[in-house]
Amino acid sequence: MNTVSTPRLVLASASPRRLDLLRQIGVVPDAVDPADIDESPVPRELPPQHALRLAGEKAAVVAARHPGSFVLAADTVVACGRRILPKADGETQARACLGLLSGRRHRVFGGVVLLSPTGDGEPPRRSDRVVRTDVTFKVLGPDEVESYVASGEWHGKAGGYAIQGRAAAHVRWIGGSYSNVVGLPLFEVAALLRGAGFPLP
């Protein structure tokens, strides 16, 4: 009896948030393999270009290690105007990010790249999306900033906050994909997987 094997899916990210988001739509990767690339912006690179470039580089690095697999990669960029905010790695940086976001509308760009196996030794086929979500923070008082910094929740997060955590209390308005701000725009990811022929539940 012939059986059809399910193609492998590799998530090119160490983010537990992205893994949880995929599970939310019934997708469980066969492997999680972070790319560990240099994420520094290049000169004059705009936020959406930055998000898509990094997602593409992550996907390419991981696809080379998993031939014949679907590889999904993503990057999340928080931007104030044309300025790309860092993934905060210290309290001073976190305070600076919160100061920029306080009382302002900012944009979150999610770059998503899916590399699909083609067979016959051909390079993988690429499909991608850039998703924009607008977010407005309330004006943050000094005590609110210090309380959030003390929580440590900001560590490693783009723009120095996690909307799925305590920062939700400071978000006055959101326009667009909520899951994109968390780390993975699920509607677009599902569309990419479906379009590439990957079986969804």
C-alpha atoms as a PDB file:
ATOM      1  CA  MET A   1       0.000   0.000   0.000  1.00  0.00           C
ATOM      2  CA  ASN A   2       1.386   3.407  -0.961  1.00  0.00           C
ATOM      3  CA  THR A   3       1.540   6.039   1.740  1.00  0.00           C
ATOM      4  CA  VAL A   4       1.973   9.754   1.247  1.00  0.00           C
ATOM      5  CA  SER A   5       4.537  11.177   3.639  1.00  0.00           C
ATOM      6  CA  THR A   6       3.855  14.515   5.267  1.00  0.00           C
ATOM      7  CA  PRO A   7       6.532  17.070   4.344  1.00  0.00           C
ATOM      8  CA  ARG A   8       8.788  18.310   7.123  1.00  0.00           C
ATOM      9  CA  LEU A   9       8.425  21.848   8.410  1.00  0.00           C
ATOM     10  CA  VAL A  10      11.337  23.603  10.105  1.00  0.00           C
ATOM     11  CA  LEU A  11      10.818  26.799  12.103  1.00  0.00           C
ATOM     12  CA  ALA A  12      13.896  29.006  11.747  1.00  0.00           C
ATOM     13  CA  SER A  13      13.430  30.720  15.101  1.00  0.00           C
ATOM     14  CA  ALA A  14      14.240  30.236  18.756  1.00  0.00           C
ATOM     15  CA  SER A  15      11.180  32.261  19.785  1.00  0.00           C
ATOM     16  CA  PRO A  16       8.775  30.300  21.993  1.00  0.00           C
ATOM     17  CA  ARG A  17       6.111  32.852  21.049  1.00  0.00           C
ATOM     18  CA  ARG A  18       6.302  31.907  17.365  1.00  0.00           C
ATOM     19  CA  LEU A  19       6.121  28.226  18.227  1.00  0.00           C
ATOM     20  CA  ASP A  20       3.044  28.817  20.390  1.00  0.00           C
ATOM     21  CA  LEU A  21       1.408  30.893  17.660  1.00  0.00           C
ATOM     22  CA  LEU A  22       1.889  28.139  15.082  1.00  0.00           C
ATOM     23  CA  ARG A  23       0.407  25.602  17.478  1.00  0.00           C
ATOM     24  CA  GLN A  24      -2.590  27.920  17.860  1.00  0.00           C
ATOM     25  CA  ILE A  25      -3.517  27.190  14.221  1.00  0.00           C
ATOM     26  CA  GLY A  26      -2.681  23.508  14.530  1.00  0.00           C
ATOM     27  CA  VAL A  27       0.767  23.623  12.928  1.00  0.00           C
ATOM     28  CA  VAL A  28       3.556  21.838  14.825  1.00  0.00           C
ATOM     29  CA  PRO A  29       7.015  22.101  13.217  1.00  0.00           C
ATOM     30  CA  ASP A  30       9.096  18.955  12.966  1.00  0.00           C
ATOM     31  CA  ALA A  31      12.174  20.902  14.023  1.00  0.00           C
ATOM     32  CA  VAL A  32      13.115  24.268  15.497  1.00  0.00           C
ATOM     33  CA  ASP A  33      16.465  25.526  14.230  1.00  0.00           C
ATOM     34  CA  PRO A  34      17.401  29.171  14.886  1.00  0.00           C
ATOM     35  CA  ALA A  35      19.606  30.787  12.250  1.00  0.00           C
ATOM     36  CA  ASP A  36      21.677  33.026  14.570  1.00  0.00           C
ATOM     37  CA  ILE A  37      22.475  35.782  12.061  1.00  0.00           C
ATOM     38  CA  ASP A  38      23.649  39.374  12.410  1.00  0.00           C
ATOM     39  CA  GLU A  39      20.460  41.418  12.732  1.00  0.00           C
ATOM     40  CA  SER A  40      22.010  44.880  12.406  1.00  0.00           C
ATOM     41  CA  PRO A  41      20.257  47.232   9.969  1.00  0.00           C
ATOM     42  CA  VAL A  42      22.192  48.280   6.883  1.00  0.00           C
ATOM     43  CA  PRO A  43      22.538  51.984   5.983  1.00  0.00           C
ATOM     44  CA  ARG A  44      19.302  53.627   4.736  1.00  0.00           C
ATOM     45  CA  GLU A  45      17.351  50.404   5.215  1.00  0.00           C
ATOM     46  CA  LEU A  46      13.680  51.058   5.918  1.00  0.00           C
ATOM     47  CA  PRO A  47      11.845  49.049   8.611  1.00  0.00           C
ATOM     48  CA  PRO A  48       9.779  46.807   6.262  1.00  0.00           C
ATOM     49  CA  GLN A  49      12.841  46.090   4.120  1.00  0.00           C
ATOM     50  CA  HIS A  50      14.810  45.234   7.259  1.00  0.00           C
ATOM     51  CA  ALA A  51      12.158  42.789   8.499  1.00  0.00           C
ATOM     52  CA  LEU A  52      11.922  40.994   5.157  1.00  0.00           C
ATOM     53  CA  ARG A  53      15.691  40.864   4.601  1.00  0.00           C
ATOM     54  CA  LEU A  54      16.314  39.297   8.000  1.00  0.00           C
ATOM     55  CA  ALA A  55      13.529  36.756   7.540  1.00  0.00           C
ATOM     56  CA  GLY A  56      14.989  35.812   4.161  1.00  0.00           C
ATOM     57  CA  GLU A  57      18.517  35.442   5.517  1.00  0.00           C
ATOM     58  CA  LYS A  58      17.284  33.287   8.396  1.00  0.00           C
ATOM     59  CA  ALA A  59      15.336  31.059   6.011  1.00  0.00           C
ATOM     60  CA  ALA A  60      18.293  30.621   3.639  1.00  0.00           C
ATOM     61  CA  VAL A  61      20.713  29.674   6.426  1.00  0.00           C
ATOM     62  CA  VAL A  62      18.348  27.091   7.899  1.00  0.00           C
ATOM     63  CA  ALA A  63      17.220  25.679   4.532  1.00  0.00           C
ATOM     64  CA  ALA A  64      20.832  24.792   3.750  1.00  0.00           C
ATOM     65  CA  ARG A  65      20.822  22.588   6.856  1.00  0.00           C
ATOM     66  CA  HIS A  66      17.472  20.933   6.065  1.00  0.00           C
ATOM     67  CA  PRO A  67      17.300  20.083   2.360  1.00  0.00           C
ATOM     68  CA  GLY A  68      13.904  18.864   1.186  1.00  0.00           C
ATOM     69  CA  SER A  69      12.030  20.578   4.037  1.00  0.00           C
ATOM     70  CA  PHE A  70       9.705  23.530   4.219  1.00  0.00           C
ATOM     71  CA  VAL A  71      11.448  26.305   6.150  1.00  0.00           C
ATOM     72  CA  LEU A  72       9.522  29.131   7.804  1.00  0.00           C
ATOM     73  CA  ALA A  73      11.347  32.222   9.067  1.00  0.00           C
ATOM     74  CA  ALA A  74      10.152  35.542  10.446  1.00  0.00           C
ATOM     75  CA  ASP A  75      11.408  38.781  11.886  1.00  0.00           C
ATOM     76  CA  THR A  76       9.559  41.468  13.823  1.00  0.00           C
ATOM     77  CA  VAL A  77      10.559  45.127  13.631  1.00  0.00           C
ATOM     78  CA  VAL A  78       9.143  47.957  15.738  1.00  0.00           C
ATOM     79  CA  ALA A  79       9.506  51.363  14.109  1.00  0.00           C
ATOM     80  CA  CYS A  80       8.891  54.981  15.108  1.00  0.00           C
ATOM     81  CA  GLY A  81       8.793  56.773  11.783  1.00  0.00           C
ATOM     82  CA  ARG A  82      11.806  55.506   9.840  1.00  0.00           C
ATOM     83  CA  ARG A  83      13.661  54.631  13.035  1.00  0.00           C
ATOM     84  CA  ILE A  84      14.106  50.934  13.821  1.00  0.00           C
ATOM     85  CA  LEU A  85      13.908  50.259  17.544  1.00  0.00           C
ATOM     86  CA  PRO A  86      16.259  47.623  18.953  1.00  0.00           C
ATOM     87  CA  LYS A  87      15.472  44.320  20.581  1.00  0.00           C
ATOM     88  CA  ALA A  88      16.126  45.649  24.075  1.00  0.00           C
ATOM     89  CA  ASP A  89      18.961  43.921  25.927  1.00  0.00           C
ATOM     90  CA  GLY A  90      19.420  46.270  28.876  1.00  0.00           C
ATOM     91  CA  GLU A  91      17.326  48.434  31.187  1.00  0.00           C
ATOM     92  CA  THR A  92      18.642  51.696  29.731  1.00  0.00           C
ATOM     93  CA  GLN A  93      17.676  50.561  26.239  1.00  0.00           C
ATOM     94  CA  ALA A  94      14.254  49.417  27.454  1.00  0.00           C
ATOM     95  CA  ARG A  95      13.586  52.814  29.078  1.00  0.00           C
ATOM     96  CA  ALA A  96      14.631  54.584  25.889  1.00  0.00           C
ATOM     97  CA  CYS A  97      12.235  52.456  23.820  1.00  0.00           C
ATOM     98  CA  LEU A  98       9.338  53.065  26.205  1.00  0.00           C
ATOM     99  CA  GLY A  99      10.083  56.778  26.145  1.00  0.00           C
ATOM    100  CA  LEU A 100       9.808  56.813  22.353  1.00  0.00           C
ATOM    101  CA  LEU A 101       6.595  54.761  22.364  1.00  0.00           C
ATOM    102  CA  SER A 102       4.851  56.701  25.158  1.00  0.00           C
ATOM    103  CA  GLY A 103       1.793  58.560  23.876  1.00  0.00           C
ATOM    104  CA  ARG A 104       2.628  57.813  20.243  1.00  0.00           C
ATOM    105  CA  ARG A 105       1.493  55.596  17.437  1.00  0.00           C
ATOM    106  CA  HIS A 106       4.176  53.251  16.106  1.00  0.00           C
ATOM    107  CA  ARG A 107       4.306  50.519  13.503  1.00  0.00           C
ATOM    108  CA  VAL A 108       5.194  46.852  13.810  1.00  0.00           C
ATOM    109  CA  PHE A 109       6.421  45.133  10.650  1.00  0.00           C
ATOM    110  CA  GLY A 110       6.482  41.369  10.418  1.00  0.00           C
ATOM    111  CA  GLY A 111       8.573  39.866   7.646  1.00  0.00           C
ATOM    112  CA  VAL A 112       7.723  36.240   6.846  1.00  0.00           C
ATOM    113  CA  VAL A 113       9.531  33.976   4.386  1.00  0.00           C
ATOM    114  CA  LEU A 114       8.609  30.405   3.450  1.00  0.00           C
ATOM    115  CA  LEU A 115      11.047  28.297   1.436  1.00  0.00           C
ATOM    116  CA  SER A 116       9.410  25.279  -0.186  1.00  0.00           C
ATOM    117  CA  PRO A 117      11.231  22.215  -1.542  1.00  0.00           C
ATOM    118  CA  THR A 118      11.037  21.777  -5.319  1.00  0.00           C
ATOM    119  CA  GLY A 119      12.861  18.468  -5.840  1.00  0.00           C
ATOM    120  CA  ASP A 120      15.256  17.527  -8.634  1.00  0.00           C
ATOM    121  CA  GLY A 121      18.062  19.440  -6.963  1.00  0.00           C
ATOM    122  CA  GLU A 122      16.460  22.792  -7.721  1.00  0.00           C
ATOM    123  CA  PRO A 123      16.714  25.652  -5.196  1.00  0.00           C
ATOM    124  CA  PRO A 124      13.753  26.042  -2.846  1.00  0.00           C
ATOM    125  CA  ARG A 125      10.849  28.181  -4.003  1.00  0.00           C
ATOM    126  CA  ARG A 126      10.417  31.373  -1.960  1.00  0.00           C
ATOM    127  CA  SER A 127       7.188  33.075  -0.964  1.00  0.00           C
ATOM    128  CA  ASP A 128       7.028  35.998   1.438  1.00  0.00           C
ATOM    129  CA  ARG A 129       4.923  38.704   3.033  1.00  0.00           C
ATOM    130  CA  VAL A 130       5.463  41.916   4.981  1.00  0.00           C
ATOM    131  CA  VAL A 131       2.655  42.690   7.406  1.00  0.00           C
ATOM    132  CA  ARG A 132       2.140  46.059   9.109  1.00  0.00           C
ATOM    133  CA  THR A 133       0.298  46.630  12.364  1.00  0.00           C
ATOM    134  CA  ASP A 134      -0.206  50.071  13.930  1.00  0.00           C
ATOM    135  CA  VAL A 135      -0.099  50.337  17.721  1.00  0.00           C
ATOM    136  CA  THR A 136      -0.740  53.325  19.990  1.00  0.00           C
ATOM    137  CA  PHE A 137       0.540  53.503  23.551  1.00  0.00           C
ATOM    138  CA  LYS A 138      -0.960  55.661  26.289  1.00  0.00           C
ATOM    139  CA  VAL A 139       1.256  58.322  27.834  1.00  0.00           C
ATOM    140  CA  LEU A 140       3.427  56.424  30.306  1.00  0.00           C
ATOM    141  CA  GLY A 141       4.211  57.933  33.673  1.00  0.00           C
ATOM    142  CA  PRO A 142       7.661  57.464  35.235  1.00  0.00           C
ATOM    143  CA  ASP A 143       6.287  54.917  37.721  1.00  0.00           C
ATOM    144  CA  GLU A 144       4.711  52.903  34.920  1.00  0.00           C
ATOM    145  CA  VAL A 145       7.970  52.863  32.980  1.00  0.00           C
ATOM    146  CA  GLU A 146       9.963  51.737  36.029  1.00  0.00           C
ATOM    147  CA  SER A 147       7.401  49.077  36.922  1.00  0.00           C
ATOM    148  CA  TYR A 148       7.555  47.634  33.418  1.00  0.00           C
ATOM    149  CA  VAL A 149      11.344  47.746  33.348  1.00  0.00           C
ATOM    150  CA  ALA A 150      11.445  45.967  36.709  1.00  0.00           C
ATOM    151  CA  SER A 151       9.292  43.161  35.294  1.00  0.00           C
ATOM    152  CA  GLY A 152      12.063  42.139  32.887  1.00  0.00           C
ATOM    153  CA  GLU A 153       9.426  41.276  30.303  1.00  0.00           C
ATOM    154  CA  TRP A 154      11.044  43.591  27.743  1.00  0.00           C
ATOM    155  CA  HIS A 155      14.274  41.613  27.482  1.00  0.00           C
ATOM    156  CA  GLY A 156      15.020  40.632  23.896  1.00  0.00           C
ATOM    157  CA  LYS A 157      11.703  42.010  22.646  1.00  0.00           C
ATOM    158  CA  ALA A 158      11.526  44.253  19.589  1.00  0.00           C
ATOM    159  CA  GLY A 159      10.819  47.782  20.758  1.00  0.00           C
ATOM    160  CA  GLY A 160      11.298  46.758  24.394  1.00  0.00           C
ATOM    161  CA  TYR A 161       7.797  45.406  25.050  1.00  0.00           C
ATOM    162  CA  ALA A 162       5.618  42.298  24.789  1.00  0.00           C
ATOM    163  CA  ILE A 163       2.009  43.043  23.852  1.00  0.00           C
ATOM    164  CA  GLN A 164       0.921  39.598  25.059  1.00  0.00           C
ATOM    165  CA  GLY A 165       2.133  40.455  28.573  1.00  0.00           C
ATOM    166  CA  ARG A 166       1.921  43.418  30.943  1.00  0.00           C
ATOM    167  CA  ALA A 167       2.390  45.925  28.138  1.00  0.00           C
ATOM    168  CA  ALA A 168      -1.182  45.183  27.018  1.00  0.00           C
ATOM    169  CA  ALA A 169      -2.347  47.511  29.807  1.00  0.00           C
ATOM    170  CA  HIS A 170      -0.622  50.418  28.010  1.00  0.00           C
ATOM    171  CA  VAL A 171      -1.951  49.772  24.487  1.00  0.00           C
ATOM    172  CA  ARG A 172      -4.755  52.245  23.708  1.00  0.00           C
ATOM    173  CA  TRP A 173      -5.374  51.105  20.151  1.00  0.00           C
ATOM    174  CA  ILE A 174      -4.227  48.530  17.616  1.00  0.00           C
ATOM    175  CA  GLY A 175      -4.924  48.437  13.901  1.00  0.00           C
ATOM    176  CA  GLY A 176      -4.128  45.260  12.007  1.00  0.00           C
ATOM    177  CA  SER A 177      -2.871  41.828  12.972  1.00  0.00           C
ATOM    178  CA  TYR A 178      -2.453  41.273  16.718  1.00  0.00           C
ATOM    179  CA  SER A 179      -0.478  38.061  16.210  1.00  0.00           C
ATOM    180  CA  ASN A 180       1.958  40.023  14.037  1.00  0.00           C
ATOM    181  CA  VAL A 181       2.877  42.146  17.074  1.00  0.00           C
ATOM    182  CA  VAL A 182       3.330  38.997  19.162  1.00  0.00           C
ATOM    183  CA  GLY A 183       5.735  37.627  16.560  1.00  0.00           C
ATOM    184  CA  LEU A 184       3.980  35.896  13.650  1.00  0.00           C
ATOM    185  CA  PRO A 185       1.064  37.100  11.460  1.00  0.00           C
ATOM    186  CA  LEU A 186      -1.019  33.934  11.473  1.00  0.00           C
ATOM    187  CA  PHE A 187      -3.423  34.743   8.643  1.00  0.00           C
ATOM    188  CA  GLU A 188      -0.546  35.415   6.253  1.00  0.00           C
ATOM    189  CA  VAL A 189       1.477  32.422   7.459  1.00  0.00           C
ATOM    190  CA  ALA A 190      -1.489  30.110   6.890  1.00  0.00           C
ATOM    191  CA  ALA A 191      -1.950  31.569   3.403  1.00  0.00           C
ATOM    192  CA  LEU A 192       1.723  31.032   2.548  1.00  0.00           C
ATOM    193  CA  LEU A 193       1.665  27.427   3.780  1.00  0.00           C
ATOM    194  CA  ARG A 194      -1.577  26.688   1.954  1.00  0.00           C
ATOM    195  CA  GLY A 195      -0.316  28.283  -1.241  1.00  0.00           C
ATOM    196  CA  ALA A 196       2.870  26.197  -1.119  1.00  0.00           C
ATOM    197  CA  GLY A 197       0.917  22.972  -0.733  1.00  0.00           C
ATOM    198  CA  PHE A 198       1.748  22.330   2.911  1.00  0.00           C
ATOM    199  CA  PRO A 199      -1.148  20.492   4.574  1.00  0.00           C
ATOM    200  CA  LEU A 200      -2.970  22.514   7.218  1.00  0.00           C
ATOM    201  CA  PRO A 201      -5.389  21.027   9.755  1.00  0.00           C
END
